[in-house]
C-alpha atoms as a PDB file:
ATOM      1  CA  MET A   1      13.365  14.234 -16.695  1.00  0.00           C
ATOM      2  CA  SER A   2      15.827  17.154 -16.652  1.00  0.00           C
ATOM      3  CA  ARG A   3      14.066  20.520 -16.524  1.00  0.00           C
ATOM      4  CA  GLU A   4      17.002  22.197 -18.245  1.00  0.00           C
ATOM      5  CA  LYS A   5      16.943  19.673 -21.048  1.00  0.00           C
ATOM      6  CA  LEU A   6      13.194  20.110 -21.502  1.00  0.00           C
ATOM      7  CA  LEU A   7      13.392  23.927 -21.472  1.00  0.00           C
ATOM      8  CA  ARG A   8      16.183  23.895 -24.026  1.00  0.00           C
ATOM      9  CA  ALA A   9      14.177  21.610 -26.336  1.00  0.00           C
ATOM     10  CA  LEU A  10      11.047  23.769 -25.917  1.00  0.00           C
ATOM     11  CA  LEU A  11      12.951  26.992 -26.641  1.00  0.00           C
ATOM     12  CA  GLU A  12      14.554  25.462 -29.729  1.00  0.00           C
ATOM     13  CA  GLY A  13      11.177  24.147 -30.898  1.00  0.00           C
ATOM     14  CA  ASP A  14      12.502  20.580 -31.087  1.00  0.00           C
ATOM     15  CA  MET A  15       9.218  18.741 -30.447  1.00  0.00           C
ATOM     16  CA  ASP A  16      10.797  15.316 -31.198  1.00  0.00           C
ATOM     17  CA  GLU A  17      13.239  15.967 -28.352  1.00  0.00           C
ATOM     18  CA  VAL A  18      10.443  17.195 -26.091  1.00  0.00           C
ATOM     19  CA  GLU A  19       8.512  13.959 -26.763  1.00  0.00           C
ATOM     20  CA  ALA A  20      11.609  11.813 -26.140  1.00  0.00           C
ATOM     21  CA  ILE A  21      12.325  13.648 -22.863  1.00  0.00           C
ATOM     22  CA  ASP A  22       8.678  13.247 -21.801  1.00  0.00           C
ATOM     23  CA  GLN A  23       9.007   9.482 -22.175  1.00  0.00           C
ATOM     24  CA  GLU A  24      12.081   9.169 -19.928  1.00  0.00           C
ATOM     25  CA  PRO A  25      11.209   7.541 -16.592  1.00  0.00           C
ATOM     26  CA  ASP A  26      11.782   9.583 -13.453  1.00  0.00           C
ATOM     27  CA  PRO A  27      14.577   7.834 -11.491  1.00  0.00           C
ATOM     28  CA  PHE A  28      12.888   8.596  -8.173  1.00  0.00           C
ATOM     29  CA  ILE A  29       9.655   6.968  -9.347  1.00  0.00           C
ATOM     30  CA  THR A  30      11.453   3.859 -10.682  1.00  0.00           C
ATOM     31  CA  GLN A  31      13.395   3.478  -7.435  1.00  0.00           C
ATOM     32  CA  LYS A  32      10.191   3.864  -5.407  1.00  0.00           C
ATOM     33  CA  LEU A  33       8.421   1.277  -7.573  1.00  0.00           C
ATOM     34  CA  SER A  34      11.271  -1.184  -6.998  1.00  0.00           C
ATOM     35  CA  ALA A  35      11.092  -0.598  -3.238  1.00  0.00           C
ATOM     36  CA  ASP A  36       7.304  -1.033  -3.335  1.00  0.00           C
ATOM     37  CA  PHE A  37       7.679  -4.335  -5.152  1.00  0.00           C
ATOM     38  CA  VAL A  38      10.074  -5.579  -2.459  1.00  0.00           C
ATOM     39  CA  ALA A  39       7.743  -4.407   0.349  1.00  0.00           C
ATOM     40  CA  LEU A  40       4.760  -6.101  -1.306  1.00  0.00           C
ATOM     41  CA  SER A  41       6.788  -9.318  -1.701  1.00  0.00           C
ATOM     42  CA  VAL A  42       7.609  -9.544   2.012  1.00  0.00           C
ATOM     43  CA  GLU A  43       5.060 -11.868   3.537  1.00  0.00           C
ATOM     44  CA  GLY A  44       3.960 -11.227   7.082  1.00  0.00           C
ATOM     45  CA  ASP A  45       3.496 -13.949   9.675  1.00  0.00           C
ATOM     46  CA  PHE A  46       0.118 -13.019  11.164  1.00  0.00           C
ATOM     47  CA  ASN A  47      -1.496 -14.754  14.066  1.00  0.00           C
ATOM     48  CA  PRO A  48      -4.868 -14.217  15.717  1.00  0.00           C
ATOM     49  CA  GLY A  49      -4.501 -11.387  18.241  1.00  0.00           C
ATOM     50  CA  ASP A  50      -1.691  -9.573  16.405  1.00  0.00           C
ATOM     51  CA  VAL A  51      -2.168  -5.831  16.196  1.00  0.00           C
ATOM     52  CA  ILE A  52      -1.365  -4.690  12.662  1.00  0.00           C
ATOM     53  CA  ARG A  53      -1.390  -1.608  10.444  1.00  0.00           C
ATOM     54  CA  TRP A  54      -1.009  -0.691   6.776  1.00  0.00           C
ATOM     55  CA  LYS A  55       2.518  -0.737   5.405  1.00  0.00           C
ATOM     56  CA  ASP A  56       3.584   2.790   4.528  1.00  0.00           C
ATOM     57  CA  GLY A  57       1.977   3.701   1.186  1.00  0.00           C
ATOM     58  CA  PHE A  58      -0.065   0.465   0.869  1.00  0.00           C
ATOM     59  CA  LYS A  59      -3.458   1.521   2.261  1.00  0.00           C
ATOM     60  CA  ASN A  60      -6.071   0.808  -0.403  1.00  0.00           C
ATOM     61  CA  LYS A  61      -9.345   0.339   1.461  1.00  0.00           C
ATOM     62  CA  GLN A  62     -11.369   2.626   3.657  1.00  0.00           C
ATOM     63  CA  PRO A  63     -10.499   1.517   7.223  1.00  0.00           C
ATOM     64  CA  GLY A  64      -7.501   3.317   8.588  1.00  0.00           C
ATOM     65  CA  GLY A  65      -6.553   0.868  11.315  1.00  0.00           C
ATOM     66  CA  PRO A  66      -4.967  -0.254  13.498  1.00  0.00           C
ATOM     67  CA  PHE A  67      -6.491  -3.695  13.176  1.00  0.00           C
ATOM     68  CA  ILE A  68      -6.455  -6.897  15.206  1.00  0.00           C
ATOM     69  CA  VAL A  69      -6.052 -10.194  13.380  1.00  0.00           C
ATOM     70  CA  ILE A  70      -9.114 -12.420  13.832  1.00  0.00           C
ATOM     71  CA  ASN A  71      -8.062 -15.154  11.417  1.00  0.00           C
ATOM     72  CA  ALA A  72      -5.366 -15.787   8.759  1.00  0.00           C
ATOM     73  CA  LEU A  73      -7.029 -17.735   5.963  1.00  0.00           C
ATOM     74  CA  ASP A  74      -5.296 -20.766   4.441  1.00  0.00           C
ATOM     75  CA  GLU A  75      -6.839 -19.924   1.051  1.00  0.00           C
ATOM     76  CA  PRO A  76      -7.657 -16.321   0.171  1.00  0.00           C
ATOM     77  CA  VAL A  77     -11.029 -15.145  -1.029  1.00  0.00           C
ATOM     78  CA  PHE A  78     -10.873 -12.845  -4.010  1.00  0.00           C
ATOM     79  CA  ASP A  79     -12.464  -9.411  -4.266  1.00  0.00           C
ATOM     80  CA  GLN A  80     -15.370  -9.702  -6.702  1.00  0.00           C
ATOM     81  CA  GLU A  81     -14.737  -6.315  -8.349  1.00  0.00           C
ATOM     82  CA  LYS A  82     -15.773  -6.765 -11.990  1.00  0.00           C
ATOM     83  CA  GLY A  83     -13.506  -4.241 -13.733  1.00  0.00           C
ATOM     84  CA  ALA A  84      -9.976  -5.412 -14.509  1.00  0.00           C
ATOM     85  CA  GLY A  85      -8.795  -1.760 -14.242  1.00  0.00           C
ATOM     86  CA  SER A  86      -9.825  -1.567 -10.562  1.00  0.00           C
ATOM     87  CA  PRO A  87      -7.120  -1.901  -7.890  1.00  0.00           C
ATOM     88  CA  TYR A  88      -9.396  -4.397  -6.160  1.00  0.00           C
ATOM     89  CA  PHE A  89      -9.846  -6.724  -9.141  1.00  0.00           C
ATOM     90  CA  ARG A  90      -8.958 -10.265  -8.008  1.00  0.00           C
ATOM     91  CA  GLU A  91      -7.255  -8.910  -4.872  1.00  0.00           C
ATOM     92  CA  PRO A  92      -6.408 -11.858  -2.573  1.00  0.00           C
ATOM     93  CA  LEU A  93      -8.121 -11.216   0.742  1.00  0.00           C
ATOM     94  CA  ASP A  94      -6.426 -13.541   3.201  1.00  0.00           C
ATOM     95  CA  LEU A  95      -6.727 -11.806   6.587  1.00  0.00           C
ATOM     96  CA  GLU A  96      -9.886 -11.415   8.593  1.00  0.00           C
ATOM     97  CA  VAL A  97      -9.349  -8.391  10.829  1.00  0.00           C
ATOM     98  CA  GLY A  98     -11.300  -6.275  13.256  1.00  0.00           C
ATOM     99  CA  PHE A  99     -11.137  -2.535  13.871  1.00  0.00           C
ATOM    100  CA  ARG A 100     -13.091   0.269  15.496  1.00  0.00           C
ATOM    101  CA  ASP A 101     -14.879   2.660  13.131  1.00  0.00           C
ATOM    102  CA  SER A 102     -15.343   6.364  13.715  1.00  0.00           C
ATOM    103  CA  ASP A 103     -18.514   5.623  15.740  1.00  0.00           C
ATOM    104  CA  GLY A 104     -16.584   3.219  17.998  1.00  0.00           C
ATOM    105  CA  ASP A 105     -18.285   0.112  16.552  1.00  0.00           C
ATOM    106  CA  PHE A 106     -16.159  -3.035  16.153  1.00  0.00           C
ATOM    107  CA  LEU A 107     -16.241  -4.133  12.522  1.00  0.00           C
ATOM    108  CA  ILE A 108     -14.697  -7.147  10.767  1.00  0.00           C
ATOM    109  CA  VAL A 109     -13.328  -6.949   7.225  1.00  0.00           C
ATOM    110  CA  PHE A 110     -11.082  -8.992   4.959  1.00  0.00           C
ATOM    111  CA  LEU A 111      -7.792  -7.503   3.729  1.00  0.00           C
ATOM    112  CA  ASP A 112      -4.782  -8.389   1.625  1.00  0.00           C
ATOM    113  CA  SER A 113      -1.989  -9.363   4.074  1.00  0.00           C
ATOM    114  CA  ARG A 114       0.746  -8.218   1.657  1.00  0.00           C
ATOM    115  CA  ARG A 115      -0.285  -4.612   2.401  1.00  0.00           C
ATOM    116  CA  LEU A 116      -0.062  -4.993   6.208  1.00  0.00           C
ATOM    117  CA  GLU A 117       2.558  -5.311   8.925  1.00  0.00           C
ATOM    118  CA  VAL A 118       2.587  -6.240  12.622  1.00  0.00           C
ATOM    119  CA  ILE A 119       2.946  -3.307  14.972  1.00  0.00           C
ATOM    120  CA  GLU A 120       6.095  -4.051  16.956  1.00  0.00           C
ATOM    121  CA  GLU A 121       5.846  -4.149  20.738  1.00  0.00           C
ATOM    122  CA  THR A 122       7.985  -1.007  21.027  1.00  0.00           C
ATOM    123  CA  ASP A 123       5.464   0.877  18.878  1.00  0.00           C
ATOM    124  CA  LYS A 124       2.580  -0.164  21.166  1.00  0.00           C
ATOM    125  CA  ILE A 125       4.127   0.995  24.461  1.00  0.00           C
ATOM    126  CA  ILE A 126       2.415   4.037  25.940  1.00  0.00           C
ATOM    127  CA  ARG A 127       4.606   5.892  28.350  1.00  0.00           C
ATOM    128  CA  PHE A 128       3.315   8.163  31.083  1.00  0.00           C
ATOM    129  CA  ASP A 129       6.241  10.291  32.215  1.00  0.00           C
ATOM    130  CA  ALA A 130       5.666  12.494  35.236  1.00  0.00           C
END
């Protein structure tokens, strides 16, 4: 929405134009949504032992990661959230993963693999330069 266009309509008292401008989609948001759709559509190839993390902008559950893949399920289990308005409603949980919580305990949870990506070997290297 153009700020100048909105200000002009407000100053002129043209409420029909203000309402029409308010309904115009923000091009940045529509481009981001398209990119998110593509990212969600890319299926990962996860194997037990892979170290993984949330794709940028796709974290939707409490654990922050990183995670280690315990098992990739052939058939997903579905989140039992009752409300259709919840982001977890019928979410396909197809990866069993482990992670360390803030107390250092190793926990296992189920997550939606579409939201995750393998951490590349180059991202895992720790360098100790003298």
